[in-house]
Amino acid sequence: MNYDARIDKPEHDSADFNPLEPDEEDRRSKRRIWIVAGVVVLVLLAIKFLTSGGSSEETLTGRESQAPVVTVVSPGRASVASNITATGSIAARRELPVGMPGEGGQVVRVLVEPGQWVNAGQVLAVIDRAVQQEQAAALAAQIQVAQADAQLAQANLDRSLQLVDRGFISKADVDRLRATRDAAAARVKVARAQLSEMQERVRRLNVVAPAAGLVLERNVEPGQIVSSGSGMIFRLAKGGEMEMLAQLSETNLAALTPGATAEVTPVGSDKSFTGTVWQVSPVIDPETRLGTARIALPYAPGIRPGGFANAAIASGTVNAPVLPESAVFTDSTGSYVYIVGKDNKVVRQEVKTGDITENGLIILSGLQGSEKVVVRAGAFLTPGETVVPRAVK
């Protein structure tokens, strides 16, 4: 049997066939992908470098690149005026309570009102004196009677002296007449003294100002019955002088001396008044641990006794660092700040603070001024934490 054997030939010649060609194509494709990925990464890195400006802070590696950035300042040291702030009440520097000096009676007239100025000896109120005036008139009449008796006694004595040499009157009778004359003269003096006493009592029915000053209170009205036991019926400020009773701690009180100037601002007012510390309390209240500095103030309509005020008392100058208030924290142990130390580690530093000035808070101790103090974000830091410090520009 004759068969025609047919063998299908491949579409390509055996000479051109390469069974490894598909694998080579895969490798080339993968190589192109890796090259493109590398170029993309390089481009991204270049863009990041250009946008960051190439700063050293942005090229930190590892853990440092994730550290928080904090704003720091080196405060240095400066001479600043130290002021002590205090609060207190305003009062008359020399207060004069005026009461009823005499036996009293019904008030007839009141001649002054609060806020008026008065002179020493000026009448403030008048008390009814009708009865006392009648008594004074009676005493004046008694003086006349006593004077008449004294004149008669003197005349009798003069006549007896003329007759004694003739023997008509004995010396004993002359002595009796002389005694009568002396007693009559004494009764004249007694009557005059009684009249002077009554006139003084009448004069004391006028309530007068003991010194020149400003009337602060009036506690009496016409028709009211007053006596020496009625208490204060007027209150005056001698010379119109006022003062502020500033309450200070023991430390601040020890830093003050009489003569220091102070700016006093009454509560509710935008106007300040310049005063002088004239007395520093020698004692401390054992309960409040506060003492009083008395600041003398001249009279001004805006200063009202009984009101409250704030005072800024100059206590000299101090050479110390000054920090923003945001940099200083306080807890149960006292005041402290955070500084950036070695290897950019956060360190807690205890400080003692002073007054608040226009530029910030005075640091009395704890800092030299060259430290890097964290100005902001300190509340979110913990001691030992690594940070990236950035100085305030």
Protein backbone atom coordinates (compact mmCIF):
# COMPACT_ATOMS: atom_id res chain seq x y z
CA MET A 1 0.00 0.00 0.00
CA ASN A 2 1.43 3.29 -1.04
CA TYR A 3 0.84 6.17 1.39
CA ASP A 4 1.76 9.73 0.79
CA ALA A 5 3.40 10.85 4.00
CA ARG A 6 2.87 14.54 4.64
CA ILE A 7 4.69 16.48 7.30
CA ASP A 8 3.39 19.96 7.96
CA LYS A 9 6.27 22.38 7.90
CA PRO A 10 6.42 25.25 10.27
CA GLU A 11 5.53 28.68 8.99
CA HIS A 12 9.11 29.82 9.46
CA ASP A 13 12.26 28.33 8.42
CA SER A 14 14.16 26.23 10.83
CA ALA A 15 17.14 28.40 10.31
CA ASP A 16 15.32 31.53 11.69
CA PHE A 17 13.51 29.96 14.65
CA ASN A 18 14.71 30.92 18.21
CA PRO A 19 12.77 29.30 21.04
CA LEU A 20 14.27 31.78 23.76
CA GLU A 21 12.97 35.00 22.17
CA PRO A 22 9.78 35.44 24.35
CA ASP A 23 11.79 35.31 27.65
CA GLU A 24 14.16 37.93 26.40
CA GLU A 25 11.29 40.25 25.65
CA ASP A 26 9.91 39.85 29.18
CA ARG A 27 13.23 40.72 30.70
CA ARG A 28 13.55 43.81 28.56
CA SER A 29 10.05 44.92 29.51
CA LYS A 30 10.72 44.54 33.21
CA ARG A 31 13.99 46.41 32.85
CA ARG A 32 12.20 49.35 31.23
CA ILE A 33 9.64 49.41 34.07
CA TRP A 34 12.37 49.56 36.73
CA ILE A 35 14.17 52.31 34.85
CA VAL A 36 10.99 54.40 34.63
CA ALA A 37 10.23 53.84 38.35
CA GLY A 38 13.74 54.92 39.29
CA VAL A 39 13.46 58.08 37.20
CA VAL A 40 10.12 58.92 38.88
CA VAL A 41 11.64 58.46 42.36
CA LEU A 42 14.60 60.68 41.46
CA VAL A 43 12.27 63.36 40.12
CA LEU A 44 10.18 63.28 43.30
CA LEU A 45 13.26 63.54 45.49
CA ALA A 46 14.53 66.46 43.45
CA ILE A 47 11.18 68.25 43.76
CA LYS A 48 11.16 67.73 47.54
CA PHE A 49 14.72 69.01 47.83
CA LEU A 50 13.95 72.12 45.78
CA THR A 51 10.75 72.97 47.67
CA SER A 52 12.45 72.56 51.09
CA GLY A 53 15.27 74.89 50.12
CA GLY A 54 17.82 72.29 50.97
CA SER A 55 17.81 73.31 54.69
CA SER A 56 19.68 71.14 57.09
CA GLU A 57 16.63 70.83 59.33
CA GLU A 58 14.68 69.05 56.57
CA THR A 59 17.51 66.60 55.87
CA LEU A 60 17.37 65.06 59.28
CA THR A 61 17.27 61.31 59.19
CA GLY A 62 15.34 58.64 61.02
CA ARG A 63 13.84 59.61 64.31
CA GLU A 64 14.98 63.28 64.14
CA SER A 65 12.99 63.90 60.98
CA GLN A 66 9.81 63.12 62.94
CA ALA A 67 10.64 65.39 65.97
CA PRO A 68 8.32 68.37 66.56
CA VAL A 69 9.52 71.81 65.57
CA VAL A 70 9.40 74.34 68.45
CA THR A 71 10.02 78.06 68.52
CA VAL A 72 12.82 79.11 70.86
CA VAL A 73 14.35 82.39 71.98
CA SER A 74 17.54 83.36 73.80
CA PRO A 75 16.32 86.26 75.95
CA GLY A 76 19.66 87.66 77.07
CA ARG A 77 19.66 90.14 79.94
CA ALA A 78 18.40 93.72 80.10
CA SER A 79 17.90 96.47 82.65
CA VAL A 80 14.17 96.85 83.19
CA ALA A 81 12.16 98.91 85.60
CA SER A 82 10.70 96.68 88.26
CA ASN A 83 7.12 97.42 89.28
CA ILE A 84 5.09 95.84 92.03
CA THR A 85 1.40 95.53 91.26
CA ALA A 86 -1.15 95.64 94.04
CA THR A 87 -4.81 96.19 94.74
CA GLY A 88 -6.43 97.95 97.64
CA SER A 89 -9.01 100.43 98.82
CA ILE A 90 -8.99 104.23 98.79
CA ALA A 91 -9.50 106.18 101.99
CA ALA A 92 -8.91 109.60 103.46
CA ARG A 93 -5.31 109.94 104.55
CA ARG A 94 -6.32 111.77 107.71
CA GLU A 95 -9.98 111.13 108.50
CA LEU A 96 -11.70 113.47 110.94
CA PRO A 97 -14.89 112.12 112.56
CA VAL A 98 -16.96 115.00 113.97
CA GLY A 99 -19.50 114.43 116.72
CA MET A 100 -21.57 116.52 119.15
CA PRO A 101 -19.10 118.15 121.56
CA GLY A 102 -21.67 119.62 123.96
CA GLU A 103 -24.78 118.47 125.76
CA GLY A 104 -26.70 118.47 122.50
CA GLY A 105 -30.28 119.20 121.65
CA GLN A 106 -32.43 119.59 118.57
CA VAL A 107 -30.68 120.37 115.29
CA VAL A 108 -31.87 123.69 113.87
CA ARG A 109 -29.75 124.02 110.75
CA VAL A 110 -27.22 121.96 108.78
CA LEU A 111 -24.93 124.24 106.80
CA VAL A 112 -22.81 121.88 104.66
CA GLU A 113 -23.23 119.00 102.23
CA PRO A 114 -20.89 116.11 101.31
CA GLY A 115 -18.30 117.17 98.77
CA GLN A 116 -17.99 120.72 100.09
CA TRP A 117 -14.74 122.23 101.35
CA VAL A 118 -14.76 123.77 104.83
CA ASN A 119 -12.29 125.85 106.86
CA ALA A 120 -11.06 125.20 110.37
CA GLY A 121 -13.69 126.40 112.84
CA GLN A 122 -16.43 126.72 110.24
CA VAL A 123 -19.91 125.93 111.61
CA LEU A 124 -21.32 122.70 110.19
CA ALA A 125 -24.59 122.49 112.14
CA VAL A 126 -26.48 124.61 114.68
CA ILE A 127 -28.31 123.21 117.75
CA ASP A 128 -31.26 124.94 119.40
CA ARG A 129 -30.00 127.10 122.30
CA ALA A 130 -33.07 128.97 123.59
CA VAL A 131 -32.84 127.52 127.12
CA GLN A 132 -29.09 128.06 127.38
CA GLN A 133 -29.40 131.68 126.29
CA GLU A 134 -31.95 132.38 129.08
CA GLN A 135 -29.64 130.77 131.59
CA ALA A 136 -26.79 132.94 130.37
CA ALA A 137 -28.94 136.05 130.80
CA ALA A 138 -29.75 135.04 134.39
CA LEU A 139 -26.08 134.55 135.15
CA ALA A 140 -25.28 137.96 133.68
CA ALA A 141 -27.84 139.52 136.07
CA GLN A 142 -26.27 137.69 139.01
CA ILE A 143 -22.98 139.31 138.16
CA GLN A 144 -24.60 142.72 138.47
CA VAL A 145 -26.08 141.77 141.86
CA ALA A 146 -22.73 140.54 143.08
CA GLN A 147 -21.00 143.68 141.87
CA ALA A 148 -23.54 145.84 143.73
CA ASP A 149 -22.96 143.89 146.96
CA ALA A 150 -19.24 144.24 146.49
CA GLN A 151 -19.50 148.01 146.02
CA LEU A 152 -21.64 148.34 149.17
CA ALA A 153 -19.21 146.25 151.19
CA GLN A 154 -16.31 148.38 150.01
CA ALA A 155 -18.14 151.61 150.96
CA ASN A 156 -18.93 150.30 154.47
CA LEU A 157 -15.29 149.35 154.91
CA ASP A 158 -14.08 152.78 153.81
CA ARG A 159 -16.37 154.58 156.31
CA SER A 160 -15.35 152.32 159.18
CA LEU A 161 -11.69 152.99 158.53
CA GLN A 162 -12.33 156.74 158.98
CA LEU A 163 -14.03 156.14 162.38
CA VAL A 164 -11.63 153.61 163.81
CA ASP A 165 -9.07 156.27 164.76
CA ARG A 166 -11.73 158.17 166.75
CA GLY A 167 -12.62 155.08 168.70
CA PHE A 168 -16.16 154.76 167.47
CA ILE A 169 -15.51 151.40 165.73
CA SER A 170 -13.32 148.64 167.01
CA LYS A 171 -10.72 146.87 164.96
CA ALA A 172 -12.81 143.69 165.15
CA ASP A 173 -15.65 145.44 163.38
CA VAL A 174 -13.23 146.62 160.70
CA ASP A 175 -12.05 143.05 160.19
CA ARG A 176 -15.64 141.87 159.76
CA LEU A 177 -16.35 144.60 157.19
CA ARG A 178 -13.18 143.74 155.33
CA ALA A 179 -14.21 140.06 155.20
CA THR A 180 -17.65 141.07 153.95
CA ARG A 181 -16.03 143.13 151.23
CA ASP A 182 -13.76 140.25 150.18
CA ALA A 183 -16.67 137.78 150.10
CA ALA A 184 -18.69 140.13 147.89
CA ALA A 185 -15.76 140.48 145.49
CA ALA A 186 -15.41 136.69 145.39
CA ARG A 187 -19.11 136.29 144.57
CA VAL A 188 -18.57 138.60 141.58
CA LYS A 189 -15.82 136.32 140.32
CA VAL A 190 -18.00 133.24 140.81
CA ALA A 191 -20.87 134.82 138.87
CA ARG A 192 -18.54 135.77 136.04
CA ALA A 193 -17.13 132.24 135.91
CA GLN A 194 -20.61 130.77 135.79
CA LEU A 195 -21.52 133.10 132.93
CA SER A 196 -18.34 132.14 131.04
CA GLU A 197 -19.18 128.45 131.51
CA MET A 198 -22.67 128.95 130.14
CA GLN A 199 -21.37 130.96 127.18
CA GLU A 200 -18.94 128.13 126.40
CA ARG A 201 -21.76 125.59 126.56
CA VAL A 202 -23.78 127.75 124.18
CA ARG A 203 -20.80 128.01 121.84
CA ARG A 204 -20.43 124.24 121.83
CA LEU A 205 -23.95 123.89 120.54
CA ASN A 206 -22.39 124.79 117.17
CA VAL A 207 -20.84 121.74 115.47
CA VAL A 208 -17.66 123.11 113.87
CA ALA A 209 -14.93 121.70 111.63
CA PRO A 210 -11.78 120.84 113.61
CA ALA A 211 -9.59 121.49 110.56
CA ALA A 212 -9.85 122.53 106.93
CA GLY A 213 -10.85 119.70 104.63
CA LEU A 214 -13.43 117.98 102.48
CA VAL A 215 -16.81 116.88 103.84
CA LEU A 216 -17.21 113.15 103.13
CA GLU A 217 -20.33 112.26 105.11
CA ARG A 218 -23.29 114.05 106.69
CA ASN A 219 -25.31 111.96 109.12
CA VAL A 220 -27.64 114.57 110.61
CA GLU A 221 -30.79 116.40 109.52
CA PRO A 222 -32.71 119.42 110.89
CA GLY A 223 -35.11 118.42 113.68
CA GLN A 224 -32.93 115.49 114.76
CA ILE A 225 -32.02 115.21 118.45
CA VAL A 226 -28.29 114.77 118.98
CA SER A 227 -26.07 114.45 122.02
CA SER A 228 -22.50 113.57 122.89
CA GLY A 229 -23.48 109.90 122.61
CA SER A 230 -24.86 110.21 119.08
CA GLY A 231 -21.54 109.28 117.52
CA MET A 232 -20.17 110.65 114.27
CA ILE A 233 -22.47 113.13 112.55
CA PHE A 234 -19.92 114.43 110.02
CA ARG A 235 -16.82 112.88 108.47
CA LEU A 236 -14.07 115.03 106.95
CA ALA A 237 -10.89 114.36 105.00
CA LYS A 238 -8.24 116.66 106.41
CA GLY A 239 -6.88 118.85 103.64
CA GLY A 240 -8.73 116.68 101.11
CA GLU A 241 -5.75 114.29 101.06
CA MET A 242 -6.43 110.70 100.05
CA GLU A 243 -4.46 107.49 100.14
CA MET A 244 -4.56 103.97 98.77
CA LEU A 245 -4.14 101.07 101.17
CA ALA A 246 -2.24 98.67 98.91
CA GLN A 247 -2.19 95.03 100.04
CA LEU A 248 1.18 93.38 99.36
CA SER A 249 2.85 90.07 100.07
CA GLU A 250 5.73 89.82 102.53
CA THR A 251 8.27 89.63 99.69
CA ASN A 252 6.98 92.69 97.87
CA LEU A 253 6.57 94.63 101.09
CA ALA A 254 10.21 94.02 101.96
CA ALA A 255 11.25 95.49 98.59
CA LEU A 256 9.49 98.81 99.23
CA THR A 257 10.75 101.93 100.95
CA PRO A 258 8.89 105.16 101.75
CA GLY A 259 9.19 107.66 98.93
CA ALA A 260 8.62 105.20 96.06
CA THR A 261 6.33 106.52 93.35
CA ALA A 262 3.18 104.71 92.30
CA GLU A 263 0.57 104.96 89.57
CA VAL A 264 -2.90 104.42 91.01
CA THR A 265 -5.87 103.62 88.76
CA PRO A 266 -9.31 103.50 90.38
CA VAL A 267 -11.52 100.62 89.29
CA GLY A 268 -13.84 101.69 86.49
CA SER A 269 -11.61 104.61 85.49
CA ASP A 270 -9.08 104.90 82.69
CA LYS A 271 -7.24 107.74 84.41
CA SER A 272 -4.21 107.17 86.63
CA PHE A 273 -3.00 109.32 89.51
CA THR A 274 0.59 109.62 90.68
CA GLY A 275 1.17 109.04 94.37
CA THR A 276 3.97 108.37 96.83
CA VAL A 277 4.42 105.56 99.31
CA TRP A 278 4.55 107.36 102.65
CA GLN A 279 4.27 104.42 105.01
CA VAL A 280 5.10 100.72 104.86
CA SER A 281 3.27 98.59 107.39
CA PRO A 282 5.54 97.31 110.17
CA VAL A 283 3.32 94.25 110.72
CA ILE A 284 1.96 91.39 108.60
CA ASP A 285 -1.56 90.05 108.95
CA PRO A 286 -1.06 86.52 110.36
CA GLU A 287 -4.13 85.20 108.53
CA THR A 288 -3.73 86.66 105.05
CA ARG A 289 0.10 87.01 105.19
CA LEU A 290 -0.29 90.46 103.64
CA GLY A 291 0.93 93.88 104.69
CA THR A 292 -0.18 97.39 103.78
CA ALA A 293 1.66 100.07 101.85
CA ARG A 294 -0.01 103.47 102.22
CA ILE A 295 0.19 105.56 99.06
CA ALA A 296 -0.51 109.27 99.51
CA LEU A 297 -2.60 110.87 96.77
CA PRO A 298 -3.52 114.51 96.15
CA TYR A 299 -7.16 115.47 95.99
CA ALA A 300 -8.86 114.76 92.67
CA PRO A 301 -12.57 114.36 91.83
CA GLY A 302 -11.89 110.91 90.39
CA ILE A 303 -10.52 109.59 93.70
CA ARG A 304 -13.38 108.50 95.95
CA PRO A 305 -12.88 107.04 99.43
CA GLY A 306 -14.24 103.54 99.80
CA GLY A 307 -13.53 102.55 96.19
CA PHE A 308 -10.98 100.02 94.97
CA ALA A 309 -7.93 100.71 92.84
CA ASN A 310 -4.95 99.06 91.19
CA ALA A 311 -1.43 100.33 91.76
CA ALA A 312 1.90 99.90 89.98
CA ILE A 313 4.64 100.77 92.46
CA ALA A 314 8.16 101.44 91.17
CA SER A 315 10.65 99.31 93.10
CA GLY A 316 13.83 100.17 91.15
CA THR A 317 15.56 98.49 88.19
CA VAL A 318 16.75 94.95 87.75
CA ASN A 319 19.10 93.30 85.22
CA ALA A 320 17.42 90.07 84.23
CA PRO A 321 16.05 88.05 81.28
CA VAL A 322 12.58 88.94 80.00
CA LEU A 323 10.36 86.25 78.46
CA PRO A 324 6.92 86.23 76.85
CA GLU A 325 4.25 85.05 79.25
CA SER A 326 3.53 82.09 76.96
CA ALA A 327 6.96 80.66 77.79
CA VAL A 328 6.40 80.44 81.55
CA PHE A 329 4.29 77.75 83.22
CA THR A 330 3.20 77.27 86.81
CA ASP A 331 2.29 74.22 88.84
CA SER A 332 2.18 73.25 92.50
CA THR A 333 5.99 73.44 92.79
CA GLY A 334 6.30 76.91 91.28
CA SER A 335 7.13 78.51 87.94
CA TYR A 336 9.20 76.83 85.23
CA VAL A 337 10.20 76.99 81.56
CA TYR A 338 11.35 74.46 78.97
CA ILE A 339 14.77 74.90 77.42
CA VAL A 340 16.37 73.00 74.56
CA GLY A 341 19.61 71.50 75.83
CA LYS A 342 22.24 69.11 74.53
CA ASP A 343 21.26 66.94 71.56
CA ASN A 344 18.06 69.01 71.21
CA LYS A 345 16.56 67.41 74.32
CA VAL A 346 13.86 69.29 76.24
CA VAL A 347 14.84 70.17 79.83
CA ARG A 348 12.55 71.60 82.50
CA GLN A 349 14.09 74.60 84.28
CA GLU A 350 12.69 76.05 87.51
CA VAL A 351 12.58 79.86 87.56
CA LYS A 352 11.53 82.68 89.85
CA THR A 353 9.40 85.31 88.18
CA GLY A 354 9.09 89.02 88.84
CA ASP A 355 6.87 91.75 87.50
CA ILE A 356 5.04 91.83 84.18
CA THR A 357 6.34 94.59 81.92
CA GLU A 358 5.35 95.78 78.47
CA ASN A 359 8.00 93.44 77.00
CA GLY A 360 7.13 90.38 79.01
CA LEU A 361 7.73 88.65 82.33
CA ILE A 362 10.90 89.35 84.31
CA ILE A 363 12.84 86.23 85.31
CA LEU A 364 14.59 86.96 88.60
CA SER A 365 16.47 83.67 88.88
CA GLY A 366 16.90 80.33 87.10
CA LEU A 367 18.13 81.61 83.72
CA GLN A 368 21.34 83.23 82.54
CA GLY A 369 19.79 84.54 79.33
CA SER A 370 21.80 82.48 76.84
CA GLU A 371 19.58 79.39 77.00
CA LYS A 372 17.23 78.38 74.19
CA VAL A 373 13.85 78.79 75.86
CA VAL A 374 10.74 77.29 74.25
CA VAL A 375 8.36 80.17 73.55
CA ARG A 376 5.36 78.27 72.24
CA ALA A 377 4.08 74.68 72.29
CA GLY A 378 5.70 74.09 75.67
CA ALA A 379 2.47 72.70 77.08
CA PHE A 380 2.72 69.73 74.69
CA LEU A 381 6.32 68.82 75.56
CA THR A 382 7.79 66.45 78.11
CA PRO A 383 11.29 66.55 79.62
CA GLY A 384 13.75 64.47 77.61
CA GLU A 385 11.80 64.76 74.36
CA THR A 386 13.76 65.43 71.18
CA VAL A 387 12.70 68.54 69.27
CA VAL A 388 13.80 70.65 66.35
CA PRO A 389 14.48 74.21 67.66
CA ARG A 390 13.64 77.13 65.44
CA ALA A 391 14.75 80.57 66.60
CA VAL A 392 12.34 83.51 66.60
CA LYS A 393 13.10 85.84 63.73
